[in-house]
């Protein structure tokens, strides 16, 4: 199965890049089991070895900020890095 990477930026509402944000990725496809977690460094994150051609949910958690959830799709036939996912967190 071809693989891709989900990459992106996480910033605060004021545009400041945020570090140490927990990013949890889960497949939304019933026939694909994929989960991964990582922490952002300098506002950037990368999840590698993601099966391509499926929808994924990205949940972000950081103390002092509201949890955020977004979706992305890994496009079939586009191995490697995908269009970056930009996430903005709002303070609690």
C-alpha atoms as a PDB file:
ATOM      1  CA  UNK A   1       0.000   0.000   0.000  1.00  0.00           C
ATOM      2  CA  UNK A   2       1.496   3.394  -0.977  1.00  0.00           C
ATOM      3  CA  UNK A   3       2.306   5.733   1.909  1.00  0.00           C
ATOM      4  CA  UNK A   4       2.367   9.488   2.401  1.00  0.00           C
ATOM      5  CA  UNK A   5       3.177  12.049   5.105  1.00  0.00           C
ATOM      6  CA  UNK A   6       0.782  14.527   6.674  1.00  0.00           C
ATOM      7  CA  UNK A   7       2.620  17.756   7.474  1.00  0.00           C
ATOM      8  CA  UNK A   8       1.480  21.089   8.807  1.00  0.00           C
ATOM      9  CA  UNK A   9       1.714  24.120  11.044  1.00  0.00           C
ATOM     10  CA  UNK A  10      -0.007  24.826  14.346  1.00  0.00           C
ATOM     11  CA  UNK A  11      -0.366  28.393  15.509  1.00  0.00           C
ATOM     12  CA  UNK A  12      -2.271  30.486  18.007  1.00  0.00           C
ATOM     13  CA  UNK A  13      -5.014  32.847  16.880  1.00  0.00           C
ATOM     14  CA  UNK A  14      -2.461  35.710  16.952  1.00  0.00           C
ATOM     15  CA  UNK A  15      -0.205  33.840  14.486  1.00  0.00           C
ATOM     16  CA  UNK A  16       2.412  32.636  16.981  1.00  0.00           C
ATOM     17  CA  UNK A  17       3.696  29.146  16.132  1.00  0.00           C
ATOM     18  CA  UNK A  18       2.969  26.705  18.978  1.00  0.00           C
ATOM     19  CA  UNK A  19       5.286  23.961  20.238  1.00  0.00           C
ATOM     20  CA  UNK A  20       4.395  20.892  22.305  1.00  0.00           C
ATOM     21  CA  UNK A  21       0.925  20.502  20.823  1.00  0.00           C
ATOM     22  CA  UNK A  22      -0.289  16.891  20.821  1.00  0.00           C
ATOM     23  CA  UNK A  23      -1.532  15.837  17.358  1.00  0.00           C
ATOM     24  CA  UNK A  24      -3.533  12.621  17.146  1.00  0.00           C
ATOM     25  CA  UNK A  25      -4.320  11.213  13.708  1.00  0.00           C
ATOM     26  CA  UNK A  26      -6.972   8.583  13.088  1.00  0.00           C
ATOM     27  CA  UNK A  27      -8.268   7.016   9.869  1.00  0.00           C
ATOM     28  CA  UNK A  28     -11.942   7.688   9.113  1.00  0.00           C
ATOM     29  CA  UNK A  29     -12.141   4.797   6.634  1.00  0.00           C
ATOM     30  CA  UNK A  30     -13.858   1.713   8.071  1.00  0.00           C
ATOM     31  CA  UNK A  31     -11.450  -0.657   6.328  1.00  0.00           C
ATOM     32  CA  UNK A  32      -8.200   1.137   7.296  1.00  0.00           C
ATOM     33  CA  UNK A  33      -6.775   1.009  10.789  1.00  0.00           C
ATOM     34  CA  UNK A  34      -4.284   3.810  11.286  1.00  0.00           C
ATOM     35  CA  UNK A  35      -3.611   5.894  14.372  1.00  0.00           C
ATOM     36  CA  UNK A  36      -0.577   7.965  15.262  1.00  0.00           C
ATOM     37  CA  UNK A  37       0.411  10.678  17.711  1.00  0.00           C
ATOM     38  CA  UNK A  38       3.196  13.229  17.732  1.00  0.00           C
ATOM     39  CA  UNK A  39       4.073  16.573  19.301  1.00  0.00           C
ATOM     40  CA  UNK A  40       4.739  19.727  17.318  1.00  0.00           C
ATOM     41  CA  UNK A  41       8.176  21.289  17.380  1.00  0.00           C
ATOM     42  CA  UNK A  42       8.395  24.995  16.605  1.00  0.00           C
ATOM     43  CA  UNK A  43       4.829  24.847  15.334  1.00  0.00           C
ATOM     44  CA  UNK A  44       5.576  22.182  12.723  1.00  0.00           C
ATOM     45  CA  UNK A  45       4.499  18.558  12.668  1.00  0.00           C
ATOM     46  CA  UNK A  46       4.888  15.486  10.449  1.00  0.00           C
ATOM     47  CA  UNK A  47       3.071  12.152  10.567  1.00  0.00           C
ATOM     48  CA  UNK A  48       4.774   9.603   8.302  1.00  0.00           C
ATOM     49  CA  UNK A  49       3.765   6.253   6.793  1.00  0.00           C
ATOM     50  CA  UNK A  50       0.110   7.240   6.367  1.00  0.00           C
ATOM     51  CA  UNK A  51      -1.779   4.989   3.918  1.00  0.00           C
ATOM     52  CA  UNK A  52      -2.704   7.205   0.973  1.00  0.00           C
ATOM     53  CA  UNK A  53      -6.161   7.555  -0.535  1.00  0.00           C
ATOM     54  CA  UNK A  54      -8.142   7.884   2.713  1.00  0.00           C
ATOM     55  CA  UNK A  55      -9.687  10.510   4.991  1.00  0.00           C
ATOM     56  CA  UNK A  56      -8.103  11.256   8.368  1.00  0.00           C
ATOM     57  CA  UNK A  57      -9.130  13.148  11.476  1.00  0.00           C
ATOM     58  CA  UNK A  58      -6.499  15.291  13.210  1.00  0.00           C
ATOM     59  CA  UNK A  59      -7.188  16.267  16.805  1.00  0.00           C
ATOM     60  CA  UNK A  60      -4.919  18.788  18.514  1.00  0.00           C
ATOM     61  CA  UNK A  61      -4.575  19.273  22.262  1.00  0.00           C
ATOM     62  CA  UNK A  62      -2.584  21.887  24.204  1.00  0.00           C
ATOM     63  CA  UNK A  63      -3.031  23.148  27.728  1.00  0.00           C
ATOM     64  CA  UNK A  64      -4.620  26.610  27.757  1.00  0.00           C
ATOM     65  CA  UNK A  65      -6.195  26.154  24.309  1.00  0.00           C
ATOM     66  CA  UNK A  66      -9.463  24.690  23.095  1.00  0.00           C
ATOM     67  CA  UNK A  67      -9.154  21.262  21.452  1.00  0.00           C
ATOM     68  CA  UNK A  68      -9.351  21.411  17.677  1.00  0.00           C
ATOM     69  CA  UNK A  69     -10.368  18.817  15.128  1.00  0.00           C
ATOM     70  CA  UNK A  70      -9.881  18.948  11.372  1.00  0.00           C
ATOM     71  CA  UNK A  71      -9.908  16.491   8.475  1.00  0.00           C
ATOM     72  CA  UNK A  72      -7.565  15.865   5.599  1.00  0.00           C
ATOM     73  CA  UNK A  73      -7.369  13.372   2.735  1.00  0.00           C
ATOM     74  CA  UNK A  74      -4.309  11.613   1.412  1.00  0.00           C
ATOM     75  CA  UNK A  75      -4.722  11.673  -2.365  1.00  0.00           C
ATOM     76  CA  UNK A  76      -4.182   8.386  -4.254  1.00  0.00           C
ATOM     77  CA  UNK A  77      -1.140   8.476  -6.482  1.00  0.00           C
ATOM     78  CA  UNK A  78       0.441  11.417  -4.648  1.00  0.00           C
ATOM     79  CA  UNK A  79       3.066   9.686  -2.547  1.00  0.00           C
ATOM     80  CA  UNK A  80       5.235  11.821  -0.330  1.00  0.00           C
ATOM     81  CA  UNK A  81       4.215  15.041   1.364  1.00  0.00           C
ATOM     82  CA  UNK A  82       0.724  16.384   0.922  1.00  0.00           C
ATOM     83  CA  UNK A  83      -0.576  19.930   0.958  1.00  0.00           C
ATOM     84  CA  UNK A  84       0.228  21.249   4.449  1.00  0.00           C
ATOM     85  CA  UNK A  85      -2.523  21.224   7.061  1.00  0.00           C
ATOM     86  CA  UNK A  86      -2.661  24.564   8.862  1.00  0.00           C
ATOM     87  CA  UNK A  87      -4.348  24.519  12.269  1.00  0.00           C
ATOM     88  CA  UNK A  88      -5.172  27.554  14.429  1.00  0.00           C
ATOM     89  CA  UNK A  89      -5.870  27.054  18.142  1.00  0.00           C
ATOM     90  CA  UNK A  90      -8.034  29.408  20.172  1.00  0.00           C
ATOM     91  CA  UNK A  91      -7.339  30.163  23.829  1.00  0.00           C
ATOM     92  CA  UNK A  92      -9.773  28.796  26.408  1.00  0.00           C
END
